[in-house]
Amino acid sequence: MLMKITDAHMHTGLAGLDARAIIRAMDRKGVDQCWLLSWEEHNPPLPQLYQSLPPEPIMEAYGKYPERLIPFYAPDPATRSVETHFAQYVNRGIKGCGELKVARNWDDPVIEKYLEMLQGYGMGLIIHMEQPYSWYIQEKEGFFRWIFERLVNDKYNGISRYYITRFADRTGIFRNRIRRNQVAFPGILYDFSAFEKRIRQFPAVRFVGHGPGFWNHISNIRHPRYIHQKGPVREFGIIDRLLEAYDNLYCDISGTSGFNAMKRDKAQSRIFLQKHAGKVLYGTDNTGHPLLELLHSLKPGQETLKQILYKNAEKVLGNS
């Protein structure tokens, strides 16, 4: 008998995937349902890195495939009359809030007010976490300038950025250019100390952690060389403790961050999945990473696999 699968992290309009393409991809993988998540931030700190994924295409897709697609929506917490705005989408059928991906800190009063709203609904909340960093913006057009920009930013998992900036600091070559054209990105909901306080403060909100700022903390050691951390996990990091301590914290293994976290040390990943079997959700985040194949290769056991592939998603939705 085939096992039910819920993809708990997908977007329409990202990576060229519309509703029909998502359904075709689901059919190829044997996925029964998927969650469609929005992105919304009215004043992103680096507009050139921001892509709006509004709720209306999600609602249209849900209208066409109501048995297959589950709509989520995370309005920008700074939205005027956000409670009234959000209630309109709850009345239209959204099942959760996500993906909350805004350049704010957990101790921001705007975030507290937002969580108070979600506490009233007892909803799941998918969050993206990302550390602050510097982003290089090229001065002029040109192929070599474009190559340099890619290398100083995120190309090769941050390794090229790490070594180029170290070389520039030590030799002075490119140093002024880099400093002149760097802008600061303030990070996204990355402070774990304040995050833990919010988890305790709002027990009816089912938080689902996601993103490199979350998954890099599967280990207690991190190196500035990488955007997505690599290497063996000798000791679990803070997310292990938080998942164990709080019933209302979950995580999804979607995207490059989740895939990388599960792949980097398979022996430890197997332990992590078994330890937190009731907390981990399967998801893809519009990537082509072979997450299903990776999960099966970890051999977590049939019951753990059932929890990851669909049962935990039902818990976050409040269906079990």
C-alpha atoms as a PDB file:
ATOM      1  CA  MET A   1       0.000   0.000   0.000  1.00  0.00           C
ATOM      2  CA  LEU A   2       1.349   3.424  -0.952  1.00  0.00           C
ATOM      3  CA  MET A   3       1.938   5.873   1.868  1.00  0.00           C
ATOM      4  CA  LYS A   4       0.139   9.204   1.885  1.00  0.00           C
ATOM      5  CA  ILE A   5       2.402  12.221   1.287  1.00  0.00           C
ATOM      6  CA  THR A   6       1.833  15.886   2.110  1.00  0.00           C
ATOM      7  CA  ASP A   7       4.301  18.458   0.824  1.00  0.00           C
ATOM      8  CA  ALA A   8       4.103  21.044   3.595  1.00  0.00           C
ATOM      9  CA  HIS A   9       6.072  23.780   1.837  1.00  0.00           C
ATOM     10  CA  MET A  10       5.384  24.928  -1.712  1.00  0.00           C
ATOM     11  CA  HIS A  11       4.802  28.191  -3.571  1.00  0.00           C
ATOM     12  CA  THR A  12       2.902  29.065  -6.708  1.00  0.00           C
ATOM     13  CA  GLY A  13       4.768  31.521  -8.931  1.00  0.00           C
ATOM     14  CA  LEU A  14       8.214  30.465  -7.707  1.00  0.00           C
ATOM     15  CA  ALA A  15      10.714  28.662  -9.963  1.00  0.00           C
ATOM     16  CA  GLY A  16       8.243  28.903 -12.823  1.00  0.00           C
ATOM     17  CA  LEU A  17       5.639  26.689 -11.163  1.00  0.00           C
ATOM     18  CA  ASP A  18       1.985  27.565 -11.556  1.00  0.00           C
ATOM     19  CA  ALA A  19      -0.877  25.485 -10.164  1.00  0.00           C
ATOM     20  CA  ARG A  20      -0.970  23.027 -13.084  1.00  0.00           C
ATOM     21  CA  ALA A  21       2.798  22.493 -12.971  1.00  0.00           C
ATOM     22  CA  ILE A  22       2.601  21.882  -9.222  1.00  0.00           C
ATOM     23  CA  ILE A  23      -0.142  19.285  -9.681  1.00  0.00           C
ATOM     24  CA  ARG A  24       1.912  17.534 -12.387  1.00  0.00           C
ATOM     25  CA  ALA A  25       4.969  17.489 -10.113  1.00  0.00           C
ATOM     26  CA  MET A  26       2.851  16.113  -7.263  1.00  0.00           C
ATOM     27  CA  ASP A  27       1.532  13.343  -9.493  1.00  0.00           C
ATOM     28  CA  ARG A  28       5.040  12.360 -10.593  1.00  0.00           C
ATOM     29  CA  LYS A  29       6.188  12.095  -6.971  1.00  0.00           C
ATOM     30  CA  GLY A  30       3.026  10.501  -5.625  1.00  0.00           C
ATOM     31  CA  VAL A  31       2.234  13.517  -3.441  1.00  0.00           C
ATOM     32  CA  ASP A  32      -1.392  13.677  -2.333  1.00  0.00           C
ATOM     33  CA  GLN A  33      -1.594  17.245  -1.042  1.00  0.00           C
ATOM     34  CA  CYS A  34       0.635  20.286  -0.731  1.00  0.00           C
ATOM     35  CA  TRP A  35       0.564  23.535   1.193  1.00  0.00           C
ATOM     36  CA  LEU A  36       0.845  26.710  -0.882  1.00  0.00           C
ATOM     37  CA  LEU A  37       2.567  29.518   1.005  1.00  0.00           C
ATOM     38  CA  SER A  38       2.859  33.244   0.342  1.00  0.00           C
ATOM     39  CA  TRP A  39       5.653  35.789   0.841  1.00  0.00           C
ATOM     40  CA  GLU A  40       4.747  39.359   1.702  1.00  0.00           C
ATOM     41  CA  GLU A  41       6.866  42.278   2.916  1.00  0.00           C
ATOM     42  CA  HIS A  42       5.853  45.833   2.103  1.00  0.00           C
ATOM     43  CA  ASN A  43       9.272  47.438   2.561  1.00  0.00           C
ATOM     44  CA  PRO A  44      11.961  44.761   2.112  1.00  0.00           C
ATOM     45  CA  PRO A  45      15.443  45.985   3.112  1.00  0.00           C
ATOM     46  CA  LEU A  46      16.983  44.754  -0.152  1.00  0.00           C
ATOM     47  CA  PRO A  47      14.273  45.031  -2.832  1.00  0.00           C
ATOM     48  CA  GLN A  48      16.494  43.371  -5.438  1.00  0.00           C
ATOM     49  CA  LEU A  49      16.417  40.137  -3.403  1.00  0.00           C
ATOM     50  CA  TYR A  50      12.683  40.181  -2.761  1.00  0.00           C
ATOM     51  CA  GLN A  51      10.055  38.342  -4.781  1.00  0.00           C
ATOM     52  CA  SER A  52       6.421  38.917  -3.898  1.00  0.00           C
ATOM     53  CA  LEU A  53       4.245  35.798  -3.773  1.00  0.00           C
ATOM     54  CA  PRO A  54       0.783  37.245  -3.073  1.00  0.00           C
ATOM     55  CA  PRO A  55      -2.212  35.295  -1.787  1.00  0.00           C
ATOM     56  CA  GLU A  56      -4.583  35.657  -4.736  1.00  0.00           C
ATOM     57  CA  PRO A  57      -2.828  33.108  -7.016  1.00  0.00           C
ATOM     58  CA  ILE A  58      -2.900  30.734  -4.044  1.00  0.00           C
ATOM     59  CA  MET A  59      -6.639  31.183  -3.630  1.00  0.00           C
ATOM     60  CA  GLU A  60      -7.187  30.726  -7.382  1.00  0.00           C
ATOM     61  CA  ALA A  61      -5.158  27.505  -7.339  1.00  0.00           C
ATOM     62  CA  TYR A  62      -7.095  26.295  -4.305  1.00  0.00           C
ATOM     63  CA  GLY A  63     -10.347  27.000  -6.133  1.00  0.00           C
ATOM     64  CA  LYS A  64      -9.238  24.788  -9.021  1.00  0.00           C
ATOM     65  CA  TYR A  65      -7.781  21.938  -6.954  1.00  0.00           C
ATOM     66  CA  PRO A  66      -9.433  22.066  -3.505  1.00  0.00           C
ATOM     67  CA  GLU A  67      -8.708  18.418  -2.743  1.00  0.00           C
ATOM     68  CA  ARG A  68      -4.994  18.692  -3.536  1.00  0.00           C
ATOM     69  CA  LEU A  69      -3.886  22.200  -2.499  1.00  0.00           C
ATOM     70  CA  ILE A  70      -4.053  23.709   0.986  1.00  0.00           C
ATOM     71  CA  PRO A  71      -3.858  27.530   1.114  1.00  0.00           C
ATOM     72  CA  PHE A  72      -1.729  29.465   3.586  1.00  0.00           C
ATOM     73  CA  TYR A  73      -1.204  33.209   3.824  1.00  0.00           C
ATOM     74  CA  ALA A  74       1.191  35.292   5.912  1.00  0.00           C
ATOM     75  CA  PRO A  75       0.418  38.999   5.545  1.00  0.00           C
ATOM     76  CA  ASP A  76       3.204  41.413   6.367  1.00  0.00           C
ATOM     77  CA  PRO A  77       2.821  42.122  10.113  1.00  0.00           C
ATOM     78  CA  ALA A  78       3.048  45.836   9.261  1.00  0.00           C
ATOM     79  CA  THR A  79      -0.142  45.631   7.165  1.00  0.00           C
ATOM     80  CA  ARG A  80      -2.699  48.238   8.198  1.00  0.00           C
ATOM     81  CA  SER A  81      -5.596  46.583  10.081  1.00  0.00           C
ATOM     82  CA  VAL A  82      -3.805  43.255   9.727  1.00  0.00           C
ATOM     83  CA  GLU A  83      -6.347  41.451  11.934  1.00  0.00           C
ATOM     84  CA  THR A  84      -9.265  42.428   9.685  1.00  0.00           C
ATOM     85  CA  HIS A  85      -7.243  41.691   6.560  1.00  0.00           C
ATOM     86  CA  PHE A  86      -6.192  38.261   7.789  1.00  0.00           C
ATOM     87  CA  ALA A  87      -9.733  37.401   8.915  1.00  0.00           C
ATOM     88  CA  GLN A  88     -10.959  37.930   5.369  1.00  0.00           C
ATOM     89  CA  TYR A  89      -8.613  35.203   4.128  1.00  0.00           C
ATOM     90  CA  VAL A  90      -9.518  32.905   7.014  1.00  0.00           C
ATOM     91  CA  ASN A  91     -13.139  33.253   5.914  1.00  0.00           C
ATOM     92  CA  ARG A  92     -12.060  32.384   2.365  1.00  0.00           C
ATOM     93  CA  GLY A  93     -10.524  29.116   3.511  1.00  0.00           C
ATOM     94  CA  ILE A  94      -6.848  29.496   4.393  1.00  0.00           C
ATOM     95  CA  LYS A  95      -5.711  26.791   6.795  1.00  0.00           C
ATOM     96  CA  GLY A  96      -2.592  28.383   8.254  1.00  0.00           C
ATOM     97  CA  CYS A  97      -0.175  31.285   8.247  1.00  0.00           C
ATOM     98  CA  GLY A  98       2.967  31.134   6.157  1.00  0.00           C
ATOM     99  CA  GLU A  99       5.527  31.776   5.025  1.00  0.00           C
ATOM    100  CA  LEU A 100       6.386  34.557   7.470  1.00  0.00           C
ATOM    101  CA  LYS A 101       9.610  35.911   5.988  1.00  0.00           C
ATOM    102  CA  VAL A 102      10.129  39.497   7.096  1.00  0.00           C
ATOM    103  CA  ALA A 103      13.248  41.377   8.205  1.00  0.00           C
ATOM    104  CA  ARG A 104      12.191  41.785  11.813  1.00  0.00           C
ATOM    105  CA  ASN A 105      13.246  40.423  15.187  1.00  0.00           C
ATOM    106  CA  TRP A 106      11.134  38.239  17.443  1.00  0.00           C
ATOM    107  CA  ASP A 107      11.084  40.883  20.178  1.00  0.00           C
ATOM    108  CA  ASP A 108       9.532  43.446  17.817  1.00  0.00           C
ATOM    109  CA  PRO A 109       6.129  44.605  19.213  1.00  0.00           C
ATOM    110  CA  VAL A 110       4.661  44.242  15.716  1.00  0.00           C
ATOM    111  CA  ILE A 111       5.547  40.538  15.783  1.00  0.00           C
ATOM    112  CA  GLU A 112       4.060  40.156  19.255  1.00  0.00           C
ATOM    113  CA  LYS A 113       0.766  41.672  18.070  1.00  0.00           C
ATOM    114  CA  TYR A 114       0.834  39.343  15.045  1.00  0.00           C
ATOM    115  CA  LEU A 115       1.308  36.280  17.236  1.00  0.00           C
ATOM    116  CA  GLU A 116      -1.527  37.410  19.485  1.00  0.00           C
ATOM    117  CA  MET A 117      -3.738  37.364  16.395  1.00  0.00           C
ATOM    118  CA  LEU A 118      -2.618  33.838  15.460  1.00  0.00           C
ATOM    119  CA  GLN A 119      -3.020  32.647  19.055  1.00  0.00           C
ATOM    120  CA  GLY A 120      -6.711  33.441  18.733  1.00  0.00           C
ATOM    121  CA  TYR A 121      -6.975  31.185  15.686  1.00  0.00           C
ATOM    122  CA  GLY A 122      -4.761  28.399  17.084  1.00  0.00           C
ATOM    123  CA  MET A 123      -3.043  28.191  13.713  1.00  0.00           C
ATOM    124  CA  GLY A 124       0.144  26.761  12.339  1.00  0.00           C
ATOM    125  CA  LEU A 125       2.789  29.347  11.424  1.00  0.00           C
ATOM    126  CA  ILE A 126       5.573  28.537   8.950  1.00  0.00           C
ATOM    127  CA  ILE A 127       8.563  30.811   9.577  1.00  0.00           C
ATOM    128  CA  HIS A 128      11.757  31.511   7.663  1.00  0.00           C
ATOM    129  CA  MET A 129      14.901  32.251   9.696  1.00  0.00           C
ATOM    130  CA  GLU A 130      18.035  33.845   8.243  1.00  0.00           C
ATOM    131  CA  GLN A 131      21.129  35.399   9.792  1.00  0.00           C
ATOM    132  CA  PRO A 132      22.220  38.984   8.982  1.00  0.00           C
ATOM    133  CA  TYR A 133      24.823  39.365   6.236  1.00  0.00           C
ATOM    134  CA  SER A 134      26.378  41.848   3.831  1.00  0.00           C
ATOM    135  CA  TRP A 135      25.284  41.875   0.192  1.00  0.00           C
ATOM    136  CA  TYR A 136      27.464  43.210  -2.609  1.00  0.00           C
ATOM    137  CA  ILE A 137      25.739  45.260  -5.349  1.00  0.00           C
ATOM    138  CA  GLN A 138      27.657  45.738  -8.597  1.00  0.00           C
ATOM    139  CA  GLU A 139      28.394  49.320  -9.659  1.00  0.00           C
ATOM    140  CA  LYS A 140      27.787  48.986 -13.392  1.00  0.00           C
ATOM    141  CA  GLU A 141      26.621  46.487 -15.965  1.00  0.00           C
ATOM    142  CA  GLY A 142      29.070  44.061 -17.515  1.00  0.00           C
ATOM    143  CA  PHE A 143      29.823  40.359 -17.625  1.00  0.00           C
ATOM    144  CA  PHE A 144      32.905  40.438 -15.389  1.00  0.00           C
ATOM    145  CA  ARG A 145      31.207  42.733 -12.886  1.00  0.00           C
ATOM    146  CA  TRP A 146      28.291  40.273 -12.830  1.00  0.00           C
ATOM    147  CA  ILE A 147      30.680  37.376 -12.190  1.00  0.00           C
ATOM    148  CA  PHE A 148      32.376  39.310  -9.390  1.00  0.00           C
ATOM    149  CA  GLU A 149      29.007  40.098  -7.809  1.00  0.00           C
ATOM    150  CA  ARG A 150      28.022  36.428  -7.852  1.00  0.00           C
ATOM    151  CA  LEU A 151      31.317  35.367  -6.322  1.00  0.00           C
ATOM    152  CA  VAL A 152      31.165  37.943  -3.530  1.00  0.00           C
ATOM    153  CA  ASN A 153      27.586  37.040  -2.716  1.00  0.00           C
ATOM    154  CA  ASP A 154      26.124  33.553  -2.614  1.00  0.00           C
ATOM    155  CA  LYS A 155      27.901  31.617  -5.321  1.00  0.00           C
ATOM    156  CA  TYR A 156      29.308  28.229  -4.191  1.00  0.00           C
ATOM    157  CA  ASN A 157      27.450  28.269  -0.867  1.00  0.00           C
ATOM    158  CA  GLY A 158      29.270  31.404   0.303  1.00  0.00           C
ATOM    159  CA  ILE A 159      32.742  29.878   0.019  1.00  0.00           C
ATOM    160  CA  SER A 160      33.856  32.280  -2.718  1.00  0.00           C
ATOM    161  CA  ARG A 161      32.533  35.239  -0.692  1.00  0.00           C
ATOM    162  CA  TYR A 162      34.431  34.099   2.385  1.00  0.00           C
ATOM    163  CA  TYR A 163      37.793  33.767   0.638  1.00  0.00           C
ATOM    164  CA  ILE A 164      37.473  36.860  -1.573  1.00  0.00           C
ATOM    165  CA  THR A 165      36.648  39.099   1.378  1.00  0.00           C
ATOM    166  CA  ARG A 166      39.478  37.591   3.434  1.00  0.00           C
ATOM    167  CA  PHE A 167      41.877  38.132   0.532  1.00  0.00           C
ATOM    168  CA  ALA A 168      40.665  41.746   0.133  1.00  0.00           C
ATOM    169  CA  ASP A 169      41.069  42.491   3.838  1.00  0.00           C
ATOM    170  CA  ARG A 170      44.599  41.091   3.925  1.00  0.00           C
ATOM    171  CA  THR A 171      45.938  42.528   0.669  1.00  0.00           C
ATOM    172  CA  GLY A 172      43.820  45.614   0.081  1.00  0.00           C
ATOM    173  CA  ILE A 173      42.954  44.390  -3.434  1.00  0.00           C
ATOM    174  CA  PHE A 174      39.221  44.900  -4.088  1.00  0.00           C
ATOM    175  CA  ARG A 175      38.788  46.015  -0.475  1.00  0.00           C
ATOM    176  CA  ASN A 176      37.538  49.536  -1.233  1.00  0.00           C
ATOM    177  CA  ARG A 177      35.288  48.307  -4.032  1.00  0.00           C
ATOM    178  CA  ILE A 178      33.707  45.684  -1.798  1.00  0.00           C
ATOM    179  CA  ARG A 179      33.208  48.055   1.131  1.00  0.00           C
ATOM    180  CA  ARG A 180      31.809  50.784  -1.111  1.00  0.00           C
ATOM    181  CA  ASN A 181      29.227  48.491  -2.653  1.00  0.00           C
ATOM    182  CA  GLN A 182      28.193  46.379   0.315  1.00  0.00           C
ATOM    183  CA  VAL A 183      24.848  46.865   1.982  1.00  0.00           C
ATOM    184  CA  ALA A 184      23.709  45.283   5.224  1.00  0.00           C
ATOM    185  CA  PHE A 185      20.876  42.774   5.317  1.00  0.00           C
ATOM    186  CA  PRO A 186      19.399  42.789   8.849  1.00  0.00           C
ATOM    187  CA  GLY A 187      18.383  39.134   8.975  1.00  0.00           C
ATOM    188  CA  ILE A 188      14.994  37.436   9.314  1.00  0.00           C
ATOM    189  CA  LEU A 189      13.553  36.347  12.677  1.00  0.00           C
ATOM    190  CA  TYR A 190      16.920  34.869  13.637  1.00  0.00           C
ATOM    191  CA  ASP A 191      17.258  35.527  17.386  1.00  0.00           C
ATOM    192  CA  PHE A 192      16.740  32.173  19.125  1.00  0.00           C
ATOM    193  CA  SER A 193      16.625  33.650  22.623  1.00  0.00           C
ATOM    194  CA  ALA A 194      13.667  35.885  21.740  1.00  0.00           C
ATOM    195  CA  PHE A 195      12.177  33.115  19.585  1.00  0.00           C
ATOM    196  CA  GLU A 196      12.069  30.765  22.561  1.00  0.00           C
ATOM    197  CA  LYS A 197      10.240  33.401  24.598  1.00  0.00           C
ATOM    198  CA  ARG A 198       7.618  33.712  21.875  1.00  0.00           C
ATOM    199  CA  ILE A 199       7.186  29.924  21.692  1.00  0.00           C
ATOM    200  CA  ARG A 200       6.460  29.903  25.435  1.00  0.00           C
ATOM    201  CA  GLN A 201       4.297  33.021  25.263  1.00  0.00           C
ATOM    202  CA  PHE A 202       2.006  31.689  22.521  1.00  0.00           C
ATOM    203  CA  PRO A 203       1.410  27.972  23.147  1.00  0.00           C
ATOM    204  CA  ALA A 204      -1.586  27.793  20.780  1.00  0.00           C
ATOM    205  CA  VAL A 205       0.562  28.857  17.816  1.00  0.00           C
ATOM    206  CA  ARG A 206       2.167  25.841  16.156  1.00  0.00           C
ATOM    207  CA  PHE A 207       5.505  27.230  14.935  1.00  0.00           C
ATOM    208  CA  VAL A 208       7.181  25.439  12.000  1.00  0.00           C
ATOM    209  CA  GLY A 209      10.870  26.353  11.657  1.00  0.00           C
ATOM    210  CA  HIS A 210      12.493  26.596   8.225  1.00  0.00           C
ATOM    211  CA  GLY A 211      15.395  28.281   6.427  1.00  0.00           C
ATOM    212  CA  PRO A 212      19.181  28.385   6.838  1.00  0.00           C
ATOM    213  CA  GLY A 213      18.944  30.430  10.038  1.00  0.00           C
ATOM    214  CA  PHE A 214      17.021  27.519  11.535  1.00  0.00           C
ATOM    215  CA  TRP A 215      18.646  24.435  10.024  1.00  0.00           C
ATOM    216  CA  ASN A 216      22.254  25.575  10.419  1.00  0.00           C
ATOM    217  CA  HIS A 217      21.598  25.141  14.136  1.00  0.00           C
ATOM    218  CA  ILE A 218      21.144  21.388  13.848  1.00  0.00           C
ATOM    219  CA  SER A 219      24.800  21.472  14.927  1.00  0.00           C
ATOM    220  CA  ASN A 220      26.296  23.456  17.811  1.00  0.00           C
ATOM    221  CA  ILE A 221      29.224  24.500  15.565  1.00  0.00           C
ATOM    222  CA  ARG A 222      28.939  26.873  12.597  1.00  0.00           C
ATOM    223  CA  HIS A 223      31.603  28.285  10.286  1.00  0.00           C
ATOM    224  CA  PRO A 224      31.337  31.710   8.559  1.00  0.00           C
ATOM    225  CA  ARG A 225      32.596  30.083   5.350  1.00  0.00           C
ATOM    226  CA  TYR A 226      29.185  28.605   4.518  1.00  0.00           C
ATOM    227  CA  ILE A 227      25.659  29.841   3.904  1.00  0.00           C
ATOM    228  CA  HIS A 228      24.385  26.281   4.417  1.00  0.00           C
ATOM    229  CA  GLN A 229      26.625  24.602   6.966  1.00  0.00           C
ATOM    230  CA  LYS A 230      28.539  21.461   6.018  1.00  0.00           C
ATOM    231  CA  GLY A 231      30.411  18.681   7.763  1.00  0.00           C
ATOM    232  CA  PRO A 232      29.655  16.201  10.533  1.00  0.00           C
ATOM    233  CA  VAL A 233      27.231  17.037  13.326  1.00  0.00           C
ATOM    234  CA  ARG A 234      29.241  16.086  16.399  1.00  0.00           C
ATOM    235  CA  GLU A 235      26.764  17.610  18.811  1.00  0.00           C
ATOM    236  CA  PHE A 236      23.235  18.789  18.136  1.00  0.00           C
ATOM    237  CA  GLY A 237      22.538  22.508  18.335  1.00  0.00           C
ATOM    238  CA  ILE A 238      19.760  24.624  19.800  1.00  0.00           C
ATOM    239  CA  ILE A 239      16.947  23.413  17.559  1.00  0.00           C
ATOM    240  CA  ASP A 240      17.325  19.935  19.046  1.00  0.00           C
ATOM    241  CA  ARG A 241      16.726  21.326  22.538  1.00  0.00           C
ATOM    242  CA  LEU A 242      13.821  23.542  21.495  1.00  0.00           C
ATOM    243  CA  LEU A 243      12.041  20.752  19.611  1.00  0.00           C
ATOM    244  CA  GLU A 244      12.367  18.547  22.663  1.00  0.00           C
ATOM    245  CA  ALA A 245      11.243  21.235  25.097  1.00  0.00           C
ATOM    246  CA  TYR A 246       8.175  22.709  23.379  1.00  0.00           C
ATOM    247  CA  ASP A 247       5.137  20.854  22.090  1.00  0.00           C
ATOM    248  CA  ASN A 248       4.209  23.744  19.777  1.00  0.00           C
ATOM    249  CA  LEU A 249       7.481  23.837  17.820  1.00  0.00           C
ATOM    250  CA  TYR A 250       7.846  21.829  14.606  1.00  0.00           C
ATOM    251  CA  CYS A 251      10.179  22.015  11.598  1.00  0.00           C
ATOM    252  CA  ASP A 252      10.036  21.250   7.891  1.00  0.00           C
ATOM    253  CA  ILE A 253      12.946  19.822   5.923  1.00  0.00           C
ATOM    254  CA  SER A 254      12.173  21.752   2.745  1.00  0.00           C
ATOM    255  CA  GLY A 255      14.513  23.793   0.559  1.00  0.00           C
ATOM    256  CA  THR A 256      18.273  23.679   0.303  1.00  0.00           C
ATOM    257  CA  SER A 257      18.578  24.347   4.031  1.00  0.00           C
ATOM    258  CA  GLY A 258      16.523  21.345   5.109  1.00  0.00           C
ATOM    259  CA  PHE A 259      17.943  19.046   2.450  1.00  0.00           C
ATOM    260  CA  ASN A 260      21.492  20.026   3.375  1.00  0.00           C
ATOM    261  CA  ALA A 261      20.830  19.558   7.093  1.00  0.00           C
ATOM    262  CA  MET A 262      19.577  16.015   6.498  1.00  0.00           C
ATOM    263  CA  LYS A 263      22.323  15.099   4.018  1.00  0.00           C
ATOM    264  CA  ARG A 264      25.436  16.452   5.748  1.00  0.00           C
ATOM    265  CA  ASP A 265      25.642  13.700   8.394  1.00  0.00           C
ATOM    266  CA  LYS A 266      23.264  10.840   7.667  1.00  0.00           C
ATOM    267  CA  ALA A 267      23.952   8.928  10.870  1.00  0.00           C
ATOM    268  CA  GLN A 268      23.082  11.966  12.971  1.00  0.00           C
ATOM    269  CA  SER A 269      20.120  12.817  10.743  1.00  0.00           C
ATOM    270  CA  ARG A 270      18.662   9.378  11.387  1.00  0.00           C
ATOM    271  CA  ILE A 271      18.985   9.955  15.141  1.00  0.00           C
ATOM    272  CA  PHE A 272      17.464  13.445  14.809  1.00  0.00           C
ATOM    273  CA  LEU A 273      14.463  12.153  12.833  1.00  0.00           C
ATOM    274  CA  GLN A 274      13.798   9.324  15.238  1.00  0.00           C
ATOM    275  CA  LYS A 275      14.165  11.606  18.267  1.00  0.00           C
ATOM    276  CA  HIS A 276      11.813  14.230  16.800  1.00  0.00           C
ATOM    277  CA  ALA A 277       9.576  11.918  14.785  1.00  0.00           C
ATOM    278  CA  GLY A 278       6.470  13.785  15.908  1.00  0.00           C
ATOM    279  CA  LYS A 279       7.861  17.208  14.952  1.00  0.00           C
ATOM    280  CA  VAL A 280       9.335  16.959  11.425  1.00  0.00           C
ATOM    281  CA  LEU A 281       7.348  17.737   8.254  1.00  0.00           C
ATOM    282  CA  TYR A 282       8.223  16.808   4.694  1.00  0.00           C
ATOM    283  CA  GLY A 283       8.343  19.667   2.166  1.00  0.00           C
ATOM    284  CA  THR A 284      10.187  20.673  -0.995  1.00  0.00           C
ATOM    285  CA  ASP A 285       9.998  24.487  -1.337  1.00  0.00           C
ATOM    286  CA  ASN A 286       9.930  24.317  -5.164  1.00  0.00           C
ATOM    287  CA  THR A 287      13.357  22.710  -5.333  1.00  0.00           C
ATOM    288  CA  GLY A 288      14.456  19.713  -7.334  1.00  0.00           C
ATOM    289  CA  HIS A 289      16.327  18.218  -4.394  1.00  0.00           C
ATOM    290  CA  PRO A 290      15.639  14.470  -4.039  1.00  0.00           C
ATOM    291  CA  LEU A 291      14.211  14.791  -0.530  1.00  0.00           C
ATOM    292  CA  LEU A 292      11.987  11.725  -0.729  1.00  0.00           C
ATOM    293  CA  GLU A 293      14.905   9.596  -1.867  1.00  0.00           C
ATOM    294  CA  LEU A 294      17.069  11.041   0.906  1.00  0.00           C
ATOM    295  CA  LEU A 295      14.418  10.312   3.525  1.00  0.00           C
ATOM    296  CA  HIS A 296      14.120   6.694   2.426  1.00  0.00           C
ATOM    297  CA  SER A 297      17.914   6.311   2.396  1.00  0.00           C
ATOM    298  CA  LEU A 298      18.025   7.379   6.059  1.00  0.00           C
ATOM    299  CA  LYS A 299      15.798   4.392   6.931  1.00  0.00           C
ATOM    300  CA  PRO A 300      13.958   6.079   9.793  1.00  0.00           C
ATOM    301  CA  GLY A 301      11.382   3.281  10.055  1.00  0.00           C
ATOM    302  CA  GLN A 302       7.840   3.057   8.695  1.00  0.00           C
ATOM    303  CA  GLU A 303       6.088   4.743  11.621  1.00  0.00           C
ATOM    304  CA  THR A 304       8.549   7.648  11.688  1.00  0.00           C
ATOM    305  CA  LEU A 305       8.216   7.984   7.914  1.00  0.00           C
ATOM    306  CA  LYS A 306       4.413   8.175   8.205  1.00  0.00           C
ATOM    307  CA  GLN A 307       4.713  10.956  10.753  1.00  0.00           C
ATOM    308  CA  ILE A 308       7.128  12.956   8.606  1.00  0.00           C
ATOM    309  CA  LEU A 309       5.281  12.450   5.321  1.00  0.00           C
ATOM    310  CA  TYR A 310       1.770  13.344   6.465  1.00  0.00           C
ATOM    311  CA  LYS A 311       0.783  12.807  10.093  1.00  0.00           C
ATOM    312  CA  ASN A 312       2.739  15.771  11.488  1.00  0.00           C
ATOM    313  CA  ALA A 313       1.284  18.027   8.807  1.00  0.00           C
ATOM    314  CA  GLU A 314      -2.172  17.017   9.987  1.00  0.00           C
ATOM    315  CA  LYS A 315      -1.196  17.883  13.568  1.00  0.00           C
ATOM    316  CA  VAL A 316      -0.028  21.352  12.522  1.00  0.00           C
ATOM    317  CA  LEU A 317      -3.330  21.876  10.710  1.00  0.00           C
ATOM    318  CA  GLY A 318      -5.150  20.821  13.852  1.00  0.00           C
ATOM    319  CA  ASN A 319      -6.677  17.759  12.192  1.00  0.00           C
ATOM    320  CA  SER A 320      -5.464  15.192  14.705  1.00  0.00           C
END
